[in-house]
Amino acid sequence: MAYECILYEEQGEIGQLYLNMPQKRNALGRAAEQEMIDCLRDAGERHQVKVIILGAKGPVFCAGHDRAEILNQPLADIRRLFHTSFTLMTTIRSLPQCVIAEVHAIAMAGGCHLVAGCDLITAGREKAQFGMTGLIYSYNCTTPTVAVSRCVGQKKTMEMLMTAKLYSAEESREMGLVNMVFDDDELHQRTLELAQEICKSSKYAISMSKQNYYAQAEMTEWQAYMFAKEMMAQQATSINATEGFTAFIEKRDPNWNDDSF
C-alpha cells in the first residue's frame, strides 16, 4: 500500500511505521493520521507481526498537530481533525500487537499525545524530549492530557500543562512516561531488541495481555479482580497456554500456534 505521509514495512515478526514528513516537522494533519489509521488497521487485521515500532524520519519526531489545519479554520473542520486523532488513539489501543514508540527527538503537544498512547516508549538519551506545549500559544493540550495523565501522576501532568516545558528523556522516564532510555546511536537497535524479546511469546498472549490490561485499568479494584480471575481461567485452556506450560515442564522451547486464538 502506497502512502504519502508515512512509511511502513514488515520484517519477520516486527512492523516498522515511520512518520515521513520532515519538511513539516512531522506535524499531524488529517491525511497523516488517516494513513496511520489505515496502516495500523490493515496490520491488525492481517496480524502477520507481533510488534509494531512507531518512529519518525527527520530531526523532529513530531511537532504536534498541523497549525495550518487549526488556525482560522471552520469549527466543523477542526472537530473532524480531532475526531481523526481520537480514532487513531483508539486504533492503537485496540490493535492485537504491542506498539512501541521509538522517540529519537522532540515529541511535543499532539506528538507527545501520540507516543503516550502507545504501549511502550523508548527514547534517545540526548535528543528526545517530551512536552505538552499548548499554553505557549494560549491553547490547552486537552487531548494529550488524556494519554499523558494515564502515564504520569496528576500533579506532574498539571505541571507539564502549566509550564509548557520540554522534558528530557531521563526526566520523562523518571515521571513514568518513558520505559527505557538508550544512547541515541543505539536507540533503534535496542528498540528492535526489545521488540524481539516480546516476539518470543505467542500472538495470543501478546494480544490478550494488552486487551486485558486496558480493560481492567478503568475498573474499580473489585471489578478488576472479578474480570481478571475469569480471564485467567479462560486463557488457561487456550492452545498456546497449554503448549507453554507443557514446554516448561518438558524443558523445551514452545512451539506456538499463531493461527489459533
C-alpha atoms as a PDB file:
ATOM      1  CA  MET A   1       0.000   0.000   0.000  1.00  0.00           C
ATOM      2  CA  ALA A   2       1.412   3.399  -1.014  1.00  0.00           C
ATOM      3  CA  TYR A   3       1.410   6.261   1.483  1.00  0.00           C
ATOM      4  CA  GLU A   4       2.333   9.936   1.210  1.00  0.00           C
ATOM      5  CA  CYS A   5       2.842  10.834   4.877  1.00  0.00           C
ATOM      6  CA  ILE A   6       4.203   7.625   6.379  1.00  0.00           C
ATOM      7  CA  LEU A   7       6.422   4.657   5.609  1.00  0.00           C
ATOM      8  CA  TYR A   8       5.630   1.100   6.654  1.00  0.00           C
ATOM      9  CA  GLU A   9       7.419  -2.196   6.300  1.00  0.00           C
ATOM     10  CA  GLU A  10       7.318  -5.609   7.943  1.00  0.00           C
ATOM     11  CA  GLN A  11      10.392  -7.710   8.609  1.00  0.00           C
ATOM     12  CA  GLY A  12       9.698 -11.061  10.172  1.00  0.00           C
ATOM     13  CA  GLU A  13       7.527 -10.587  13.248  1.00  0.00           C
ATOM     14  CA  ILE A  14       8.118  -6.826  13.563  1.00  0.00           C
ATOM     15  CA  GLY A  15       6.411  -3.977  11.712  1.00  0.00           C
ATOM     16  CA  GLN A  16       8.006  -0.530  11.469  1.00  0.00           C
ATOM     17  CA  LEU A  17       5.880   2.569  10.849  1.00  0.00           C
ATOM     18  CA  TYR A  18       7.538   5.965  10.372  1.00  0.00           C
ATOM     19  CA  LEU A  19       6.125   9.460  10.172  1.00  0.00           C
ATOM     20  CA  ASN A  20       7.730  10.758   6.986  1.00  0.00           C
ATOM     21  CA  MET A  21       7.040  14.473   6.730  1.00  0.00           C
ATOM     22  CA  PRO A  22      10.331  16.022   7.880  1.00  0.00           C
ATOM     23  CA  GLN A  23       9.627  19.210   5.923  1.00  0.00           C
ATOM     24  CA  LYS A  24       6.603  19.752   8.221  1.00  0.00           C
ATOM     25  CA  ARG A  25       8.396  18.509  11.365  1.00  0.00           C
ATOM     26  CA  ASN A  26       6.039  15.535  11.108  1.00  0.00           C
ATOM     27  CA  ALA A  27       3.087  17.700  12.139  1.00  0.00           C
ATOM     28  CA  LEU A  28      -0.113  15.673  12.250  1.00  0.00           C
ATOM     29  CA  GLY A  29      -2.909  16.621   9.885  1.00  0.00           C
ATOM     30  CA  ARG A  30      -5.971  14.599   8.956  1.00  0.00           C
ATOM     31  CA  ALA A  31      -4.256  12.979   5.974  1.00  0.00           C
ATOM     32  CA  ALA A  32      -1.295  11.762   8.038  1.00  0.00           C
ATOM     33  CA  GLU A  33      -3.458  10.472  10.846  1.00  0.00           C
ATOM     34  CA  GLN A  34      -5.825   8.729   8.434  1.00  0.00           C
ATOM     35  CA  GLU A  35      -2.897   6.999   6.740  1.00  0.00           C
ATOM     36  CA  MET A  36      -1.692   5.787  10.145  1.00  0.00           C
ATOM     37  CA  ILE A  37      -5.186   4.529  10.982  1.00  0.00           C
ATOM     38  CA  ASP A  38      -5.466   2.670   7.660  1.00  0.00           C
ATOM     39  CA  CYS A  39      -1.975   1.200   8.001  1.00  0.00           C
ATOM     40  CA  LEU A  40      -2.467   0.053  11.603  1.00  0.00           C
ATOM     41  CA  ARG A  41      -5.906  -1.404  10.937  1.00  0.00           C
ATOM     42  CA  ASP A  42      -4.518  -3.365   7.988  1.00  0.00           C
ATOM     43  CA  ALA A  43      -1.619  -4.638  10.103  1.00  0.00           C
ATOM     44  CA  GLY A  44      -4.010  -5.579  12.884  1.00  0.00           C
ATOM     45  CA  GLU A  45      -6.396  -7.434  10.585  1.00  0.00           C
ATOM     46  CA  ARG A  46      -3.624  -9.364   8.838  1.00  0.00           C
ATOM     47  CA  HIS A  47      -1.818  -9.929  12.149  1.00  0.00           C
ATOM     48  CA  GLN A  48       1.394 -11.079  10.497  1.00  0.00           C
ATOM     49  CA  VAL A  49       3.569  -9.222  13.003  1.00  0.00           C
ATOM     50  CA  LYS A  50       3.567  -9.313  16.800  1.00  0.00           C
ATOM     51  CA  VAL A  51       5.079  -5.882  17.488  1.00  0.00           C
ATOM     52  CA  ILE A  52       4.871  -2.548  15.657  1.00  0.00           C
ATOM     53  CA  ILE A  53       7.540   0.113  16.193  1.00  0.00           C
ATOM     54  CA  LEU A  54       6.365   3.684  15.639  1.00  0.00           C
ATOM     55  CA  GLY A  55       9.191   6.065  14.707  1.00  0.00           C
ATOM     56  CA  ALA A  56       9.766   9.186  12.651  1.00  0.00           C
ATOM     57  CA  LYS A  57      12.101  10.467   9.964  1.00  0.00           C
ATOM     58  CA  GLY A  58      13.892  13.802  10.231  1.00  0.00           C
ATOM     59  CA  PRO A  59      15.213  15.973  13.088  1.00  0.00           C
ATOM     60  CA  VAL A  60      11.855  16.248  14.920  1.00  0.00           C
ATOM     61  CA  PHE A  61       9.776  13.261  15.988  1.00  0.00           C
ATOM     62  CA  CYS A  62       6.501  15.201  15.873  1.00  0.00           C
ATOM     63  CA  ALA A  63       5.702  18.889  16.396  1.00  0.00           C
ATOM     64  CA  GLY A  64       2.064  18.216  17.241  1.00  0.00           C
ATOM     65  CA  HIS A  65      -0.966  18.903  15.107  1.00  0.00           C
ATOM     66  CA  ASP A  66      -0.612  20.874  11.910  1.00  0.00           C
ATOM     67  CA  ARG A  67      -1.381  24.503  12.844  1.00  0.00           C
ATOM     68  CA  ALA A  68      -2.498  25.183   9.278  1.00  0.00           C
ATOM     69  CA  GLU A  69      -5.427  22.816   9.844  1.00  0.00           C
ATOM     70  CA  ILE A  70      -6.425  24.668  13.016  1.00  0.00           C
ATOM     71  CA  LEU A  71      -5.753  28.388  12.534  1.00  0.00           C
ATOM     72  CA  ASN A  72      -8.758  30.269  11.106  1.00  0.00           C
ATOM     73  CA  GLN A  73     -10.458  27.035  10.041  1.00  0.00           C
ATOM     74  CA  PRO A  74     -14.203  26.323  10.407  1.00  0.00           C
ATOM     75  CA  LEU A  75     -15.119  24.715  13.712  1.00  0.00           C
ATOM     76  CA  ALA A  76     -16.545  21.673  11.903  1.00  0.00           C
ATOM     77  CA  ASP A  77     -13.213  21.065  10.156  1.00  0.00           C
ATOM     78  CA  ILE A  78     -11.262  21.338  13.402  1.00  0.00           C
ATOM     79  CA  ARG A  79     -13.669  18.904  15.033  1.00  0.00           C
ATOM     80  CA  ARG A  80     -13.044  16.440  12.189  1.00  0.00           C
ATOM     81  CA  LEU A  81      -9.288  16.784  12.706  1.00  0.00           C
ATOM     82  CA  PHE A  82      -9.512  15.899  16.376  1.00  0.00           C
ATOM     83  CA  HIS A  83     -12.044  13.156  15.790  1.00  0.00           C
ATOM     84  CA  THR A  84      -9.491  11.600  13.438  1.00  0.00           C
ATOM     85  CA  SER A  85      -6.926  11.923  16.232  1.00  0.00           C
ATOM     86  CA  PHE A  86      -9.346  10.196  18.611  1.00  0.00           C
ATOM     87  CA  THR A  87      -9.806   7.371  16.093  1.00  0.00           C
ATOM     88  CA  LEU A  88      -6.033   6.984  15.749  1.00  0.00           C
ATOM     89  CA  MET A  89      -5.557   6.656  19.507  1.00  0.00           C
ATOM     90  CA  THR A  90      -8.360   4.115  19.890  1.00  0.00           C
ATOM     91  CA  THR A  91      -6.942   2.177  16.929  1.00  0.00           C
ATOM     92  CA  ILE A  92      -3.564   1.904  18.666  1.00  0.00           C
ATOM     93  CA  ARG A  93      -5.285   0.729  21.843  1.00  0.00           C
ATOM     94  CA  SER A  94      -7.358  -1.925  20.056  1.00  0.00           C
ATOM     95  CA  LEU A  95      -4.564  -3.460  17.970  1.00  0.00           C
ATOM     96  CA  PRO A  96      -3.576  -7.043  18.829  1.00  0.00           C
ATOM     97  CA  GLN A  97       0.088  -6.020  18.509  1.00  0.00           C
ATOM     98  CA  CYS A  98       2.256  -4.314  21.103  1.00  0.00           C
ATOM     99  CA  VAL A  99       3.080  -0.823  19.803  1.00  0.00           C
ATOM    100  CA  ILE A 100       6.437   0.678  20.801  1.00  0.00           C
ATOM    101  CA  ALA A 101       7.082   4.380  20.210  1.00  0.00           C
ATOM    102  CA  GLU A 102      10.755   4.879  19.338  1.00  0.00           C
ATOM    103  CA  VAL A 103      11.370   8.575  20.050  1.00  0.00           C
ATOM    104  CA  HIS A 104      14.627   9.982  18.723  1.00  0.00           C
ATOM    105  CA  ALA A 105      13.850  13.713  19.018  1.00  0.00           C
ATOM    106  CA  ILE A 106      11.223  16.210  20.203  1.00  0.00           C
ATOM    107  CA  ALA A 107       7.661  14.894  20.637  1.00  0.00           C
ATOM    108  CA  MET A 108       5.526  17.846  21.633  1.00  0.00           C
ATOM    109  CA  ALA A 109       1.787  18.539  22.031  1.00  0.00           C
ATOM    110  CA  GLY A 110      -0.001  16.075  19.709  1.00  0.00           C
ATOM    111  CA  GLY A 111       3.311  14.277  19.237  1.00  0.00           C
ATOM    112  CA  CYS A 112       3.555  13.711  22.989  1.00  0.00           C
ATOM    113  CA  HIS A 113      -0.040  12.530  22.886  1.00  0.00           C
ATOM    114  CA  LEU A 114       0.738  10.060  20.109  1.00  0.00           C
ATOM    115  CA  VAL A 115       3.637   8.409  21.919  1.00  0.00           C
ATOM    116  CA  ALA A 116       1.887   8.428  25.312  1.00  0.00           C
ATOM    117  CA  GLY A 117      -0.912   6.441  23.691  1.00  0.00           C
ATOM    118  CA  CYS A 118       1.475   3.684  22.622  1.00  0.00           C
ATOM    119  CA  ASP A 119       2.022   0.615  24.786  1.00  0.00           C
ATOM    120  CA  LEU A 120       5.733   1.218  25.416  1.00  0.00           C
ATOM    121  CA  ILE A 121       8.125   4.116  24.776  1.00  0.00           C
ATOM    122  CA  THR A 122      11.867   4.075  24.169  1.00  0.00           C
ATOM    123  CA  ALA A 123      13.802   7.321  23.886  1.00  0.00           C
ATOM    124  CA  GLY A 124      17.195   8.629  22.810  1.00  0.00           C
ATOM    125  CA  ARG A 125      19.158   9.986  25.756  1.00  0.00           C
ATOM    126  CA  GLU A 126      20.356  13.278  24.255  1.00  0.00           C
ATOM    127  CA  LYS A 127      17.830  14.417  21.646  1.00  0.00           C
ATOM    128  CA  ALA A 128      14.474  13.012  22.746  1.00  0.00           C
ATOM    129  CA  GLN A 129      12.232  15.497  24.565  1.00  0.00           C
ATOM    130  CA  PHE A 130       8.590  15.430  25.569  1.00  0.00           C
ATOM    131  CA  GLY A 131       6.122  18.156  26.407  1.00  0.00           C
ATOM    132  CA  MET A 132       2.577  19.473  26.266  1.00  0.00           C
ATOM    133  CA  THR A 133       3.351  22.892  24.880  1.00  0.00           C
ATOM    134  CA  GLY A 134      -0.084  24.289  24.076  1.00  0.00           C
ATOM    135  CA  LEU A 135      -0.027  27.130  26.604  1.00  0.00           C
ATOM    136  CA  ILE A 136       2.770  28.746  24.597  1.00  0.00           C
ATOM    137  CA  TYR A 137       0.011  29.517  22.073  1.00  0.00           C
ATOM    138  CA  SER A 138      -2.700  30.069  24.712  1.00  0.00           C
ATOM    139  CA  TYR A 139      -4.131  26.715  23.627  1.00  0.00           C
ATOM    140  CA  ASN A 140      -4.735  23.927  26.142  1.00  0.00           C
ATOM    141  CA  CYS A 141      -3.390  20.476  25.225  1.00  0.00           C
ATOM    142  CA  THR A 142      -6.663  18.769  26.134  1.00  0.00           C
ATOM    143  CA  THR A 143      -6.321  15.611  24.062  1.00  0.00           C
ATOM    144  CA  PRO A 144      -2.669  14.994  25.039  1.00  0.00           C
ATOM    145  CA  THR A 145      -3.743  15.277  28.678  1.00  0.00           C
ATOM    146  CA  VAL A 146      -5.869  12.143  28.290  1.00  0.00           C
ATOM    147  CA  ALA A 147      -2.987   9.832  27.381  1.00  0.00           C
ATOM    148  CA  VAL A 148      -0.269  11.582  29.399  1.00  0.00           C
ATOM    149  CA  SER A 149      -2.327  11.690  32.600  1.00  0.00           C
ATOM    150  CA  ARG A 150      -2.734   7.929  32.382  1.00  0.00           C
ATOM    151  CA  CYS A 151       1.032   7.527  32.362  1.00  0.00           C
ATOM    152  CA  VAL A 152       2.140  10.078  34.978  1.00  0.00           C
ATOM    153  CA  GLY A 153       0.591  11.403  38.177  1.00  0.00           C
ATOM    154  CA  GLN A 154      -1.939  14.208  38.476  1.00  0.00           C
ATOM    155  CA  LYS A 155       0.486  16.819  39.779  1.00  0.00           C
ATOM    156  CA  LYS A 156       3.134  16.085  37.155  1.00  0.00           C
ATOM    157  CA  THR A 157       0.557  16.244  34.380  1.00  0.00           C
ATOM    158  CA  MET A 158      -0.612  19.621  35.655  1.00  0.00           C
ATOM    159  CA  GLU A 159       2.993  20.805  35.799  1.00  0.00           C
ATOM    160  CA  MET A 160       3.527  19.767  32.192  1.00  0.00           C
ATOM    161  CA  LEU A 161       0.377  21.620  31.143  1.00  0.00           C
ATOM    162  CA  MET A 162       1.067  24.803  33.075  1.00  0.00           C
ATOM    163  CA  THR A 163       4.760  25.201  32.286  1.00  0.00           C
ATOM    164  CA  ALA A 164       4.551  24.001  28.647  1.00  0.00           C
ATOM    165  CA  LYS A 165       8.211  22.987  29.034  1.00  0.00           C
ATOM    166  CA  LEU A 166      10.064  20.175  27.325  1.00  0.00           C
ATOM    167  CA  TYR A 167      11.336  17.328  29.477  1.00  0.00           C
ATOM    168  CA  SER A 168      14.405  15.250  28.725  1.00  0.00           C
ATOM    169  CA  ALA A 169      14.286  11.523  28.089  1.00  0.00           C
ATOM    170  CA  GLU A 170      15.632  10.797  31.582  1.00  0.00           C
ATOM    171  CA  GLU A 171      13.145  13.178  33.221  1.00  0.00           C
ATOM    172  CA  SER A 172      10.346  11.553  31.258  1.00  0.00           C
ATOM    173  CA  ARG A 173      11.480   8.091  32.337  1.00  0.00           C
ATOM    174  CA  GLU A 174      11.560   9.177  35.975  1.00  0.00           C
ATOM    175  CA  MET A 175       7.994  10.523  35.783  1.00  0.00           C
ATOM    176  CA  GLY A 176       6.741   7.272  34.221  1.00  0.00           C
ATOM    177  CA  LEU A 177       6.137   8.483  30.676  1.00  0.00           C
ATOM    178  CA  VAL A 178       9.097   6.648  29.091  1.00  0.00           C
ATOM    179  CA  ASN A 179      10.017   2.999  29.662  1.00  0.00           C
ATOM    180  CA  MET A 180      13.638   2.871  28.535  1.00  0.00           C
ATOM    181  CA  VAL A 181      16.323   5.396  27.599  1.00  0.00           C
ATOM    182  CA  PHE A 182      19.191   4.440  25.298  1.00  0.00           C
ATOM    183  CA  ASP A 183      22.144   6.274  23.802  1.00  0.00           C
ATOM    184  CA  ASP A 184      20.984   7.973  20.632  1.00  0.00           C
ATOM    185  CA  ASP A 185      23.164   5.895  18.309  1.00  0.00           C
ATOM    186  CA  GLU A 186      21.874   2.675  19.901  1.00  0.00           C
ATOM    187  CA  LEU A 187      18.187   3.623  20.106  1.00  0.00           C
ATOM    188  CA  HIS A 188      16.915   1.790  17.054  1.00  0.00           C
ATOM    189  CA  GLN A 189      18.910  -1.393  17.645  1.00  0.00           C
ATOM    190  CA  ARG A 190      17.937  -1.540  21.314  1.00  0.00           C
ATOM    191  CA  THR A 191      14.288  -0.923  20.429  1.00  0.00           C
ATOM    192  CA  LEU A 192      14.465  -3.778  17.921  1.00  0.00           C
ATOM    193  CA  GLU A 193      15.933  -5.987  20.633  1.00  0.00           C
ATOM    194  CA  LEU A 194      13.034  -5.077  22.927  1.00  0.00           C
ATOM    195  CA  ALA A 195      10.588  -5.936  20.150  1.00  0.00           C
ATOM    196  CA  GLN A 196      12.357  -9.241  19.506  1.00  0.00           C
ATOM    197  CA  GLU A 197      12.140 -10.085  23.212  1.00  0.00           C
ATOM    198  CA  ILE A 198       8.373  -9.516  23.148  1.00  0.00           C
ATOM    199  CA  CYS A 199       8.105 -11.632  19.976  1.00  0.00           C
ATOM    200  CA  LYS A 200       9.304 -14.709  21.896  1.00  0.00           C
ATOM    201  CA  SER A 201       5.745 -15.098  23.155  1.00  0.00           C
ATOM    202  CA  SER A 202       2.703 -16.083  21.101  1.00  0.00           C
ATOM    203  CA  LYS A 203       0.437 -13.678  19.238  1.00  0.00           C
ATOM    204  CA  TYR A 204      -2.350 -14.858  21.516  1.00  0.00           C
ATOM    205  CA  ALA A 205      -0.505 -13.984  24.728  1.00  0.00           C
ATOM    206  CA  ILE A 206       0.604 -10.572  23.485  1.00  0.00           C
ATOM    207  CA  SER A 207      -2.873  -9.669  22.277  1.00  0.00           C
ATOM    208  CA  MET A 208      -4.692 -10.874  25.394  1.00  0.00           C
ATOM    209  CA  SER A 209      -2.185  -9.243  27.743  1.00  0.00           C
ATOM    210  CA  LYS A 210      -2.756  -5.898  26.044  1.00  0.00           C
ATOM    211  CA  GLN A 211      -6.551  -6.235  25.868  1.00  0.00           C
ATOM    212  CA  ASN A 212      -6.905  -7.360  29.468  1.00  0.00           C
ATOM    213  CA  TYR A 213      -4.595  -4.684  30.833  1.00  0.00           C
ATOM    214  CA  TYR A 214      -6.501  -1.809  29.253  1.00  0.00           C
ATOM    215  CA  ALA A 215      -9.858  -3.384  30.107  1.00  0.00           C
ATOM    216  CA  GLN A 216      -9.119  -3.605  33.822  1.00  0.00           C
ATOM    217  CA  ALA A 217      -7.310  -0.257  34.067  1.00  0.00           C
ATOM    218  CA  GLU A 218     -10.573   1.729  34.210  1.00  0.00           C
ATOM    219  CA  MET A 219     -12.346  -0.674  36.593  1.00  0.00           C
ATOM    220  CA  THR A 220     -12.629  -0.499  40.360  1.00  0.00           C
ATOM    221  CA  GLU A 221     -10.334  -2.908  42.210  1.00  0.00           C
ATOM    222  CA  TRP A 222     -13.235  -5.310  42.885  1.00  0.00           C
ATOM    223  CA  GLN A 223     -14.384  -5.243  39.262  1.00  0.00           C
ATOM    224  CA  ALA A 224     -10.813  -5.737  38.057  1.00  0.00           C
ATOM    225  CA  TYR A 225     -10.323  -8.832  40.221  1.00  0.00           C
ATOM    226  CA  MET A 226     -13.641 -10.305  39.110  1.00  0.00           C
ATOM    227  CA  PHE A 227     -12.672  -9.722  35.482  1.00  0.00           C
ATOM    228  CA  ALA A 228      -9.098 -10.955  35.932  1.00  0.00           C
ATOM    229  CA  LYS A 229      -9.963 -14.260  37.596  1.00  0.00           C
ATOM    230  CA  GLU A 230     -12.309 -15.165  34.762  1.00  0.00           C
ATOM    231  CA  MET A 231      -9.729 -14.209  32.134  1.00  0.00           C
ATOM    232  CA  MET A 232      -7.077 -16.302  33.912  1.00  0.00           C
ATOM    233  CA  ALA A 233      -9.406 -19.309  33.878  1.00  0.00           C
ATOM    234  CA  GLN A 234     -10.413 -18.943  30.230  1.00  0.00           C
ATOM    235  CA  GLN A 235      -6.904 -18.325  28.947  1.00  0.00           C
ATOM    236  CA  ALA A 236      -5.523 -21.329  30.833  1.00  0.00           C
ATOM    237  CA  THR A 237      -7.446 -23.569  28.432  1.00  0.00           C
ATOM    238  CA  SER A 238      -6.056 -21.972  25.265  1.00  0.00           C
ATOM    239  CA  ILE A 239      -3.900 -23.943  22.839  1.00  0.00           C
ATOM    240  CA  ASN A 240      -0.877 -21.722  23.406  1.00  0.00           C
ATOM    241  CA  ALA A 241      -1.086 -21.636  27.205  1.00  0.00           C
ATOM    242  CA  THR A 242      -1.315 -25.450  27.182  1.00  0.00           C
ATOM    243  CA  GLU A 243       1.743 -25.583  24.938  1.00  0.00           C
ATOM    244  CA  GLY A 244       3.609 -23.044  27.089  1.00  0.00           C
ATOM    245  CA  PHE A 245       3.031 -24.941  30.331  1.00  0.00           C
ATOM    246  CA  THR A 246       3.855 -28.269  28.667  1.00  0.00           C
ATOM    247  CA  ALA A 247       7.077 -26.951  27.145  1.00  0.00           C
ATOM    248  CA  PHE A 248       8.154 -25.562  30.528  1.00  0.00           C
ATOM    249  CA  ILE A 249       7.558 -28.900  32.260  1.00  0.00           C
ATOM    250  CA  GLU A 250       9.317 -30.782  29.466  1.00  0.00           C
ATOM    251  CA  LYS A 251      12.199 -28.272  29.488  1.00  0.00           C
ATOM    252  CA  ARG A 252      11.967 -27.431  25.765  1.00  0.00           C
ATOM    253  CA  ASP A 253      11.206 -24.402  23.624  1.00  0.00           C
ATOM    254  CA  PRO A 254       7.487 -23.889  22.978  1.00  0.00           C
ATOM    255  CA  ASN A 255       6.012 -24.289  19.517  1.00  0.00           C
ATOM    256  CA  TRP A 256       3.337 -21.604  19.299  1.00  0.00           C
ATOM    257  CA  ASN A 257       0.238 -21.970  17.163  1.00  0.00           C
ATOM    258  CA  ASP A 258      -0.103 -18.385  15.938  1.00  0.00           C
ATOM    259  CA  ASP A 259      -3.014 -19.272  13.670  1.00  0.00           C
ATOM    260  CA  SER A 260      -5.242 -20.066  16.639  1.00  0.00           C
ATOM    261  CA  PHE A 261      -6.677 -17.823  19.326  1.00  0.00           C
END
